[in-house]
Amino acid sequence: MSAIWYECKVKYRKTDETGGQKVLTEPYLVDAVSYTEAERKINEEMAAYISEEFKITNIKVANYAEIHPFENTDRWFRSKVSLIAYDEESGKERKSNMYMLIQANDVREAYDNTIHVMKNTMGEYSIPAISESPIMDVFPYFSGEEGETEMLERFNALKASKTVKPDEETIDHMEFETASEE
């Protein structure tokens, strides 16, 4: 199943350093299977960040083929990548464009990160444009990988804390089906 990214615009009041309030509308990216799920997910995510009231003003399917976060970066850039293919029937080169969301600190780093992402591409390509994206944050569907690792560590710590005394007999309560031999 391929990822469908939804761009969700969220409108809310923000208090600045001087104590004044201003209304902001910021776009966020959510990986979901439907508009309804995207709305539910952006509501959950924004409730964790915004203590005040907020409103979702727009949800639309985003035109990103791939999303690539990088460590120690704070902004998102839209990279236009043109894949170049040779059409044998017409004898002409054909370009098909795809857009990637690349995380970087500046345009140069976004270009380098795009090259890094595309390094294993078999065909020819060019990067005709890179621009800073207004996207504030990206919320992938399976963001729980770290949580799963944390749960495994807790499980292993709990398992290690229950040591069996050498003179105690261990009883196995698990049932397994045995394969019948023919």
N, C-alpha and C. Protein backbone atom coordinates (compact mmCIF):
# COMPACT_ATOMS: atom_id res chain seq x y z
N MET A 1 0.84 -1.18 0.00
CA MET A 1 0.00 0.00 0.00
C MET A 1 0.89 1.24 0.00
N SER A 2 0.64 2.13 -0.89
CA SER A 2 1.45 3.34 -0.97
C SER A 2 0.89 4.41 -0.03
N ALA A 3 1.76 5.29 0.37
CA ALA A 3 1.37 6.35 1.29
C ALA A 3 0.63 7.46 0.56
N ILE A 4 -0.44 7.93 1.18
CA ILE A 4 -1.15 9.09 0.67
C ILE A 4 -0.94 10.19 1.70
N TRP A 5 -0.36 11.28 1.25
CA TRP A 5 -0.08 12.41 2.14
C TRP A 5 -1.15 13.47 1.96
N TYR A 6 -1.68 13.94 3.07
CA TYR A 6 -2.70 14.99 3.06
C TYR A 6 -2.11 16.24 3.69
N GLU A 7 -2.28 17.35 2.99
CA GLU A 7 -1.86 18.65 3.53
C GLU A 7 -3.05 19.23 4.28
N CYS A 8 -2.86 19.46 5.56
CA CYS A 8 -3.92 19.98 6.43
C CYS A 8 -3.54 21.37 6.91
N LYS A 9 -4.41 22.35 6.67
CA LYS A 9 -4.16 23.71 7.13
C LYS A 9 -4.88 23.92 8.45
N VAL A 10 -4.11 24.38 9.43
CA VAL A 10 -4.64 24.57 10.78
C VAL A 10 -4.55 26.05 11.14
N LYS A 11 -5.67 26.60 11.58
CA LYS A 11 -5.76 28.01 11.96
C LYS A 11 -5.90 28.10 13.47
N TYR A 12 -5.04 28.95 14.10
CA TYR A 12 -5.09 29.10 15.55
C TYR A 12 -4.49 30.44 15.96
N ARG A 13 -4.74 30.82 17.21
CA ARG A 13 -4.17 32.05 17.76
C ARG A 13 -2.86 31.72 18.47
N LYS A 14 -1.87 32.57 18.21
CA LYS A 14 -0.57 32.37 18.84
C LYS A 14 -0.19 33.64 19.59
N THR A 15 0.28 33.48 20.80
CA THR A 15 0.74 34.61 21.60
C THR A 15 2.23 34.78 21.36
N ASP A 16 2.64 35.99 20.92
CA ASP A 16 4.06 36.22 20.66
C ASP A 16 4.78 36.69 21.92
N GLU A 17 6.06 37.05 21.79
CA GLU A 17 6.90 37.44 22.93
C GLU A 17 6.38 38.68 23.64
N THR A 18 5.76 39.59 22.90
CA THR A 18 5.27 40.84 23.49
C THR A 18 3.91 40.68 24.18
N GLY A 19 3.32 39.48 24.07
CA GLY A 19 2.02 39.25 24.70
C GLY A 19 0.85 39.47 23.76
N GLY A 20 1.13 39.94 22.56
CA GLY A 20 0.07 40.15 21.57
C GLY A 20 -0.33 38.84 20.91
N GLN A 21 -1.56 38.78 20.47
CA GLN A 21 -2.03 37.57 19.81
C GLN A 21 -2.20 37.82 18.32
N LYS A 22 -1.82 36.82 17.53
CA LYS A 22 -2.08 36.91 16.11
C LYS A 22 -2.59 35.55 15.63
N VAL A 23 -3.39 35.60 14.57
CA VAL A 23 -3.97 34.39 14.02
C VAL A 23 -3.04 33.86 12.93
N LEU A 24 -2.69 32.59 13.03
CA LEU A 24 -1.82 31.94 12.05
C LEU A 24 -2.57 30.80 11.38
N THR A 25 -2.27 30.58 10.11
CA THR A 25 -2.74 29.41 9.40
C THR A 25 -1.50 28.70 8.87
N GLU A 26 -1.26 27.50 9.37
CA GLU A 26 -0.05 26.77 9.02
C GLU A 26 -0.40 25.41 8.41
N PRO A 27 0.34 25.00 7.36
CA PRO A 27 0.10 23.69 6.76
C PRO A 27 0.94 22.60 7.43
N TYR A 28 0.33 21.45 7.59
CA TYR A 28 1.00 20.26 8.14
C TYR A 28 0.73 19.11 7.18
N LEU A 29 1.60 18.11 7.20
CA LEU A 29 1.44 16.96 6.33
C LEU A 29 1.14 15.73 7.19
N VAL A 30 0.10 14.99 6.79
CA VAL A 30 -0.34 13.81 7.53
C VAL A 30 -0.42 12.64 6.56
N ASP A 31 0.09 11.49 6.96
CA ASP A 31 -0.03 10.26 6.19
C ASP A 31 -1.28 9.54 6.68
N ALA A 32 -2.25 9.35 5.80
CA ALA A 32 -3.51 8.71 6.19
C ALA A 32 -4.10 7.98 4.99
N VAL A 33 -5.15 7.20 5.25
CA VAL A 33 -5.78 6.45 4.16
C VAL A 33 -7.02 7.14 3.62
N SER A 34 -7.52 8.17 4.33
CA SER A 34 -8.70 8.89 3.86
C SER A 34 -8.70 10.30 4.44
N TYR A 35 -9.58 11.13 3.90
CA TYR A 35 -9.73 12.49 4.42
C TYR A 35 -10.18 12.45 5.88
N THR A 36 -11.07 11.53 6.20
CA THR A 36 -11.59 11.42 7.56
C THR A 36 -10.48 11.06 8.53
N GLU A 37 -9.63 10.10 8.15
CA GLU A 37 -8.53 9.73 9.01
C GLU A 37 -7.51 10.87 9.13
N ALA A 38 -7.29 11.58 8.04
CA ALA A 38 -6.37 12.73 8.09
C ALA A 38 -6.89 13.78 9.06
N GLU A 39 -8.19 14.04 9.04
CA GLU A 39 -8.78 15.01 9.96
C GLU A 39 -8.64 14.54 11.41
N ARG A 40 -8.91 13.26 11.66
CA ARG A 40 -8.78 12.72 13.01
C ARG A 40 -7.33 12.82 13.50
N LYS A 41 -6.41 12.45 12.62
CA LYS A 41 -5.00 12.44 13.01
C LYS A 41 -4.46 13.86 13.26
N ILE A 42 -4.83 14.82 12.41
CA ILE A 42 -4.34 16.18 12.61
C ILE A 42 -4.94 16.78 13.88
N ASN A 43 -6.19 16.42 14.19
CA ASN A 43 -6.79 16.86 15.45
C ASN A 43 -6.02 16.33 16.65
N GLU A 44 -5.65 15.04 16.61
CA GLU A 44 -4.88 14.43 17.70
C GLU A 44 -3.51 15.09 17.84
N GLU A 45 -2.82 15.27 16.71
CA GLU A 45 -1.47 15.83 16.74
C GLU A 45 -1.47 17.28 17.22
N MET A 46 -2.41 18.08 16.73
CA MET A 46 -2.47 19.50 17.10
C MET A 46 -2.90 19.69 18.55
N ALA A 47 -3.74 18.81 19.06
CA ALA A 47 -4.16 18.91 20.46
C ALA A 47 -2.96 18.79 21.40
N ALA A 48 -1.94 18.04 20.97
CA ALA A 48 -0.74 17.89 21.79
C ALA A 48 0.13 19.15 21.76
N TYR A 49 0.05 19.94 20.69
CA TYR A 49 0.91 21.12 20.53
C TYR A 49 0.22 22.44 20.86
N ILE A 50 -1.06 22.51 20.59
CA ILE A 50 -1.78 23.78 20.74
C ILE A 50 -2.77 23.65 21.89
N SER A 51 -2.58 24.46 22.92
CA SER A 51 -3.48 24.38 24.08
C SER A 51 -4.76 25.17 23.84
N GLU A 52 -4.73 26.14 22.96
CA GLU A 52 -5.90 26.95 22.64
C GLU A 52 -6.78 26.25 21.62
N GLU A 53 -7.85 26.91 21.26
CA GLU A 53 -8.75 26.39 20.24
C GLU A 53 -8.10 26.53 18.87
N PHE A 54 -8.32 25.56 17.99
CA PHE A 54 -7.81 25.61 16.63
C PHE A 54 -8.87 25.08 15.68
N LYS A 55 -8.69 25.41 14.40
CA LYS A 55 -9.66 25.01 13.39
C LYS A 55 -8.91 24.47 12.17
N ILE A 56 -9.40 23.38 11.61
CA ILE A 56 -8.83 22.83 10.38
C ILE A 56 -9.57 23.49 9.23
N THR A 57 -8.86 24.29 8.45
CA THR A 57 -9.52 25.06 7.40
C THR A 57 -9.52 24.38 6.05
N ASN A 58 -8.58 23.43 5.82
CA ASN A 58 -8.50 22.78 4.52
C ASN A 58 -7.74 21.47 4.64
N ILE A 59 -8.19 20.47 3.90
CA ILE A 59 -7.47 19.21 3.77
C ILE A 59 -7.46 18.86 2.29
N LYS A 60 -6.27 18.61 1.75
CA LYS A 60 -6.16 18.22 0.34
C LYS A 60 -5.05 17.19 0.19
N VAL A 61 -5.14 16.41 -0.86
CA VAL A 61 -4.10 15.43 -1.15
C VAL A 61 -2.86 16.19 -1.61
N ALA A 62 -1.74 15.88 -0.99
CA ALA A 62 -0.47 16.54 -1.34
C ALA A 62 0.19 15.79 -2.49
N ASN A 63 0.88 16.51 -3.33
CA ASN A 63 1.50 15.93 -4.52
C ASN A 63 2.97 15.59 -4.25
N TYR A 64 3.22 14.74 -3.26
CA TYR A 64 4.59 14.33 -2.95
C TYR A 64 4.74 12.84 -3.19
N ALA A 65 5.73 12.47 -3.99
CA ALA A 65 6.00 11.06 -4.25
C ALA A 65 6.70 10.43 -3.05
N GLU A 66 7.59 11.21 -2.40
CA GLU A 66 8.36 10.69 -1.28
C GLU A 66 8.62 11.81 -0.27
N ILE A 67 8.75 11.41 0.99
CA ILE A 67 9.08 12.32 2.09
C ILE A 67 10.37 11.80 2.72
N HIS A 68 11.37 12.68 2.86
CA HIS A 68 12.66 12.25 3.41
C HIS A 68 13.11 13.18 4.53
N PRO A 69 12.94 12.74 5.78
CA PRO A 69 13.46 13.53 6.90
C PRO A 69 14.97 13.26 7.07
N PHE A 70 15.68 14.26 7.56
CA PHE A 70 17.10 14.12 7.86
C PHE A 70 17.34 14.68 9.26
N GLU A 71 18.32 14.11 9.95
CA GLU A 71 18.64 14.55 11.31
C GLU A 71 19.28 15.93 11.30
N ASN A 72 19.12 16.63 12.41
CA ASN A 72 19.73 17.95 12.64
C ASN A 72 19.30 18.98 11.59
N THR A 73 18.06 18.90 11.16
CA THR A 73 17.52 19.86 10.21
C THR A 73 16.19 20.38 10.74
N ASP A 74 15.78 21.55 10.27
CA ASP A 74 14.57 22.13 10.85
C ASP A 74 13.56 22.67 9.85
N ARG A 75 13.86 22.60 8.55
CA ARG A 75 12.92 23.12 7.55
C ARG A 75 12.68 22.06 6.48
N TRP A 76 11.56 22.23 5.77
CA TRP A 76 11.19 21.30 4.69
C TRP A 76 11.32 22.02 3.35
N PHE A 77 11.85 21.31 2.35
CA PHE A 77 12.03 21.84 1.02
C PHE A 77 11.35 20.93 0.01
N ARG A 78 10.76 21.55 -1.01
CA ARG A 78 10.11 20.81 -2.09
C ARG A 78 11.12 20.69 -3.23
N SER A 79 11.51 19.46 -3.53
CA SER A 79 12.45 19.20 -4.62
C SER A 79 11.69 18.65 -5.82
N LYS A 80 11.85 19.31 -6.96
CA LYS A 80 11.26 18.82 -8.21
C LYS A 80 12.33 18.00 -8.90
N VAL A 81 12.05 16.73 -9.12
CA VAL A 81 13.00 15.83 -9.77
C VAL A 81 12.39 15.38 -11.10
N SER A 82 13.12 15.61 -12.18
CA SER A 82 12.67 15.19 -13.51
C SER A 82 13.38 13.90 -13.88
N LEU A 83 12.60 12.84 -14.01
CA LEU A 83 13.15 11.56 -14.45
C LEU A 83 13.18 11.57 -15.97
N ILE A 84 14.32 11.20 -16.54
CA ILE A 84 14.50 11.27 -17.99
C ILE A 84 14.51 9.86 -18.55
N ALA A 85 13.62 9.61 -19.49
CA ALA A 85 13.54 8.30 -20.15
C ALA A 85 13.60 8.51 -21.65
N TYR A 86 14.19 7.57 -22.34
CA TYR A 86 14.30 7.63 -23.78
C TYR A 86 13.19 6.79 -24.39
N ASP A 87 12.34 7.42 -25.21
CA ASP A 87 11.25 6.74 -25.89
C ASP A 87 11.77 6.22 -27.22
N GLU A 88 11.89 4.90 -27.33
CA GLU A 88 12.46 4.29 -28.53
C GLU A 88 11.56 4.47 -29.76
N GLU A 89 10.25 4.49 -29.57
CA GLU A 89 9.34 4.63 -30.70
C GLU A 89 9.45 5.99 -31.38
N SER A 90 9.46 7.05 -30.58
CA SER A 90 9.52 8.39 -31.16
C SER A 90 10.95 8.91 -31.29
N GLY A 91 11.88 8.27 -30.58
CA GLY A 91 13.27 8.71 -30.63
C GLY A 91 13.53 9.97 -29.81
N LYS A 92 12.63 10.30 -28.89
CA LYS A 92 12.79 11.51 -28.08
C LYS A 92 12.94 11.16 -26.61
N GLU A 93 13.52 12.12 -25.91
CA GLU A 93 13.61 11.99 -24.46
C GLU A 93 12.30 12.46 -23.84
N ARG A 94 11.86 11.75 -22.83
CA ARG A 94 10.65 12.14 -22.12
C ARG A 94 11.00 12.39 -20.68
N LYS A 95 10.44 13.46 -20.15
CA LYS A 95 10.66 13.78 -18.74
C LYS A 95 9.34 13.61 -17.99
N SER A 96 9.45 12.98 -16.84
CA SER A 96 8.30 12.92 -15.95
C SER A 96 8.74 13.49 -14.61
N ASN A 97 7.95 14.40 -14.10
CA ASN A 97 8.32 15.10 -12.88
C ASN A 97 7.70 14.44 -11.66
N MET A 98 8.45 14.45 -10.58
CA MET A 98 7.93 14.03 -9.29
C MET A 98 8.44 15.02 -8.25
N TYR A 99 7.70 15.14 -7.19
CA TYR A 99 8.05 16.09 -6.14
C TYR A 99 8.35 15.33 -4.86
N MET A 100 9.44 15.73 -4.21
CA MET A 100 9.84 15.14 -2.94
C MET A 100 9.86 16.23 -1.89
N LEU A 101 9.55 15.85 -0.67
CA LEU A 101 9.69 16.76 0.46
C LEU A 101 10.94 16.33 1.20
N ILE A 102 11.93 17.21 1.21
CA ILE A 102 13.25 16.91 1.77
C ILE A 102 13.49 17.84 2.96
N GLN A 103 13.97 17.28 4.05
CA GLN A 103 14.27 18.11 5.21
C GLN A 103 15.73 18.55 5.15
N ALA A 104 15.96 19.85 5.41
CA ALA A 104 17.31 20.42 5.36
C ALA A 104 17.31 21.76 6.09
N ASN A 105 18.49 22.35 6.23
CA ASN A 105 18.61 23.66 6.87
C ASN A 105 18.62 24.81 5.86
N ASP A 106 19.05 24.52 4.62
CA ASP A 106 19.07 25.55 3.57
C ASP A 106 18.94 24.87 2.20
N VAL A 107 18.87 25.68 1.15
CA VAL A 107 18.65 25.15 -0.19
C VAL A 107 19.80 24.25 -0.63
N ARG A 108 21.01 24.64 -0.33
CA ARG A 108 22.19 23.83 -0.72
C ARG A 108 22.14 22.45 -0.07
N GLU A 109 21.81 22.41 1.20
CA GLU A 109 21.70 21.13 1.90
C GLU A 109 20.52 20.32 1.36
N ALA A 110 19.44 20.98 0.98
CA ALA A 110 18.29 20.29 0.38
C ALA A 110 18.71 19.65 -0.95
N TYR A 111 19.51 20.37 -1.73
CA TYR A 111 20.03 19.82 -3.00
C TYR A 111 20.90 18.60 -2.71
N ASP A 112 21.82 18.71 -1.76
CA ASP A 112 22.70 17.59 -1.41
C ASP A 112 21.88 16.40 -0.90
N ASN A 113 20.87 16.67 -0.08
CA ASN A 113 20.03 15.59 0.44
C ASN A 113 19.22 14.92 -0.67
N THR A 114 18.79 15.70 -1.65
CA THR A 114 18.07 15.14 -2.80
C THR A 114 18.99 14.24 -3.60
N ILE A 115 20.21 14.68 -3.83
CA ILE A 115 21.21 13.85 -4.53
C ILE A 115 21.45 12.56 -3.75
N HIS A 116 21.54 12.65 -2.42
CA HIS A 116 21.76 11.48 -1.56
C HIS A 116 20.59 10.49 -1.70
N VAL A 117 19.37 11.00 -1.71
CA VAL A 117 18.18 10.15 -1.85
C VAL A 117 18.15 9.47 -3.21
N MET A 118 18.57 10.17 -4.24
CA MET A 118 18.49 9.67 -5.62
C MET A 118 19.71 8.86 -6.05
N LYS A 119 20.70 8.66 -5.16
CA LYS A 119 21.96 8.03 -5.57
C LYS A 119 21.80 6.61 -6.11
N ASN A 120 20.80 5.87 -5.69
CA ASN A 120 20.62 4.50 -6.17
C ASN A 120 19.65 4.39 -7.35
N THR A 121 19.28 5.53 -7.91
CA THR A 121 18.38 5.54 -9.05
C THR A 121 19.12 5.05 -10.29
N MET A 122 18.49 4.13 -11.01
CA MET A 122 19.14 3.55 -12.18
C MET A 122 19.11 4.50 -13.37
N GLY A 123 18.04 5.23 -13.56
CA GLY A 123 17.90 6.09 -14.72
C GLY A 123 18.48 7.47 -14.51
N GLU A 124 18.42 8.24 -15.58
CA GLU A 124 18.90 9.62 -15.52
C GLU A 124 17.83 10.50 -14.90
N TYR A 125 18.28 11.56 -14.27
CA TYR A 125 17.36 12.52 -13.67
C TYR A 125 18.04 13.87 -13.59
N SER A 126 17.24 14.90 -13.41
CA SER A 126 17.76 16.24 -13.14
C SER A 126 16.91 16.85 -12.04
N ILE A 127 17.45 17.87 -11.41
CA ILE A 127 16.75 18.56 -10.33
C ILE A 127 16.56 20.01 -10.77
N PRO A 128 15.44 20.31 -11.46
CA PRO A 128 15.26 21.66 -12.00
C PRO A 128 14.86 22.71 -10.96
N ALA A 129 14.33 22.29 -9.80
CA ALA A 129 13.89 23.30 -8.83
C ALA A 129 13.87 22.75 -7.42
N ILE A 130 14.28 23.60 -6.50
CA ILE A 130 14.15 23.33 -5.07
C ILE A 130 13.69 24.63 -4.43
N SER A 131 12.63 24.53 -3.64
CA SER A 131 12.13 25.72 -2.95
C SER A 131 11.71 25.35 -1.53
N GLU A 132 11.77 26.33 -0.66
CA GLU A 132 11.37 26.09 0.72
C GLU A 132 9.86 25.88 0.77
N SER A 133 9.47 24.88 1.49
CA SER A 133 8.05 24.54 1.62
C SER A 133 7.48 25.22 2.86
N PRO A 134 6.21 25.59 2.82
CA PRO A 134 5.58 26.17 4.01
C PRO A 134 5.20 25.11 5.05
N ILE A 135 5.37 23.83 4.73
CA ILE A 135 5.00 22.74 5.65
C ILE A 135 5.74 22.92 6.97
N MET A 136 4.98 22.92 8.07
CA MET A 136 5.56 23.11 9.40
C MET A 136 6.08 21.81 10.00
N ASP A 137 5.33 20.72 9.80
CA ASP A 137 5.73 19.43 10.36
C ASP A 137 5.06 18.32 9.57
N VAL A 138 5.62 17.12 9.69
CA VAL A 138 5.12 15.95 8.97
C VAL A 138 4.81 14.88 10.00
N PHE A 139 3.61 14.27 9.87
CA PHE A 139 3.19 13.23 10.80
C PHE A 139 2.97 11.94 10.01
N PRO A 140 3.99 11.04 9.99
CA PRO A 140 3.83 9.79 9.25
C PRO A 140 2.87 8.83 9.95
N TYR A 141 2.34 7.89 9.20
CA TYR A 141 1.36 6.94 9.72
C TYR A 141 1.98 6.03 10.77
N PHE A 142 3.14 5.46 10.47
CA PHE A 142 3.82 4.57 11.40
C PHE A 142 4.92 5.32 12.13
N SER A 143 4.53 6.25 12.97
CA SER A 143 5.52 7.01 13.72
C SER A 143 5.91 6.31 15.01
N GLY A 144 5.36 5.14 15.30
CA GLY A 144 5.58 4.47 16.57
C GLY A 144 6.80 3.57 16.62
N GLU A 145 7.71 3.68 15.67
CA GLU A 145 8.87 2.79 15.68
C GLU A 145 9.69 2.95 16.95
N GLU A 146 9.92 4.17 17.39
CA GLU A 146 10.68 4.38 18.61
C GLU A 146 9.93 3.82 19.81
N GLY A 147 8.62 3.97 19.81
CA GLY A 147 7.80 3.44 20.90
C GLY A 147 7.86 1.93 20.95
N GLU A 148 7.91 1.29 19.78
CA GLU A 148 8.02 -0.16 19.74
C GLU A 148 9.36 -0.61 20.30
N THR A 149 10.43 0.12 20.00
CA THR A 149 11.74 -0.20 20.54
C THR A 149 11.74 -0.02 22.05
N GLU A 150 11.11 1.05 22.51
CA GLU A 150 11.02 1.32 23.94
C GLU A 150 10.23 0.22 24.64
N MET A 151 9.13 -0.23 24.04
CA MET A 151 8.35 -1.32 24.62
C MET A 151 9.17 -2.60 24.70
N LEU A 152 9.96 -2.90 23.67
CA LEU A 152 10.81 -4.08 23.67
C LEU A 152 11.86 -3.99 24.77
N GLU A 153 12.46 -2.82 24.95
CA GLU A 153 13.44 -2.65 26.02
C GLU A 153 12.82 -2.86 27.39
N ARG A 154 11.60 -2.30 27.60
CA ARG A 154 10.91 -2.51 28.87
C ARG A 154 10.59 -3.98 29.08
N PHE A 155 10.14 -4.65 28.01
CA PHE A 155 9.84 -6.07 28.10
C PHE A 155 11.08 -6.87 28.48
N ASN A 156 12.22 -6.59 27.83
CA ASN A 156 13.46 -7.30 28.13
C ASN A 156 13.94 -7.03 29.54
N ALA A 157 13.77 -5.78 30.02
CA ALA A 157 14.17 -5.46 31.40
C ALA A 157 13.29 -6.21 32.39
N LEU A 158 12.00 -6.28 32.11
CA LEU A 158 11.08 -7.01 32.98
C LEU A 158 11.40 -8.49 32.97
N LYS A 159 11.69 -9.03 31.80
CA LYS A 159 12.03 -10.45 31.67
C LYS A 159 13.32 -10.75 32.43
N ALA A 160 14.30 -9.85 32.34
CA ALA A 160 15.58 -10.07 33.02
C ALA A 160 15.44 -9.95 34.54
N SER A 161 14.47 -9.18 35.00
CA SER A 161 14.31 -8.99 36.45
C SER A 161 13.70 -10.21 37.12
N LYS A 162 13.05 -11.08 36.37
CA LYS A 162 12.45 -12.30 36.93
C LYS A 162 13.42 -13.46 36.73
N THR A 163 14.37 -13.56 37.62
CA THR A 163 15.34 -14.65 37.51
C THR A 163 14.80 -15.88 38.22
N VAL A 164 15.09 -17.03 37.69
CA VAL A 164 14.63 -18.29 38.27
C VAL A 164 15.72 -18.82 39.18
N LYS A 165 15.33 -19.19 40.39
CA LYS A 165 16.30 -19.78 41.32
C LYS A 165 16.70 -21.15 40.81
N PRO A 166 17.96 -21.55 40.99
CA PRO A 166 18.43 -22.82 40.44
C PRO A 166 17.65 -24.04 40.95
N ASP A 167 17.16 -24.01 42.19
CA ASP A 167 16.47 -25.19 42.71
C ASP A 167 14.98 -25.18 42.38
N GLU A 168 14.47 -24.10 41.75
CA GLU A 168 13.06 -24.02 41.36
C GLU A 168 12.84 -24.65 40.01
N GLU A 169 11.73 -25.36 39.87
CA GLU A 169 11.39 -25.95 38.57
C GLU A 169 10.57 -24.94 37.77
N THR A 170 10.89 -24.80 36.50
CA THR A 170 10.17 -23.87 35.64
C THR A 170 9.04 -24.61 34.94
N ILE A 171 7.84 -24.05 35.00
CA ILE A 171 6.69 -24.64 34.33
C ILE A 171 6.39 -23.82 33.10
N ASP A 172 6.31 -24.48 31.95
CA ASP A 172 6.02 -23.81 30.70
C ASP A 172 4.51 -23.85 30.47
N HIS A 173 3.87 -22.67 30.45
CA HIS A 173 2.42 -22.59 30.29
C HIS A 173 2.00 -22.36 28.84
N MET A 174 2.93 -22.32 27.92
CA MET A 174 2.60 -22.08 26.53
C MET A 174 2.20 -23.38 25.85
N GLU A 175 1.22 -23.30 24.98
CA GLU A 175 0.77 -24.48 24.25
C GLU A 175 1.19 -24.35 22.79
N PHE A 176 1.70 -25.42 22.25
CA PHE A 176 2.09 -25.43 20.85
C PHE A 176 1.40 -26.59 20.16
N GLU A 177 1.00 -26.36 18.93
CA GLU A 177 0.44 -27.43 18.14
C GLU A 177 1.59 -28.23 17.58
N THR A 178 1.48 -29.53 17.65
CA THR A 178 2.52 -30.36 17.09
C THR A 178 2.09 -30.82 15.70
N ALA A 179 3.04 -30.85 14.81
CA ALA A 179 2.75 -31.28 13.45
C ALA A 179 2.58 -32.79 13.44
N SER A 180 1.56 -33.28 12.82
CA SER A 180 1.34 -34.73 12.77
C SER A 180 2.24 -35.34 11.71
N GLU A 181 2.86 -36.43 12.07
CA GLU A 181 3.75 -37.10 11.12
C GLU A 181 2.96 -38.09 10.30
N GLU A 182 3.21 -38.15 9.05
CA GLU A 182 2.49 -39.08 8.18
C GLU A 182 3.40 -40.16 7.69
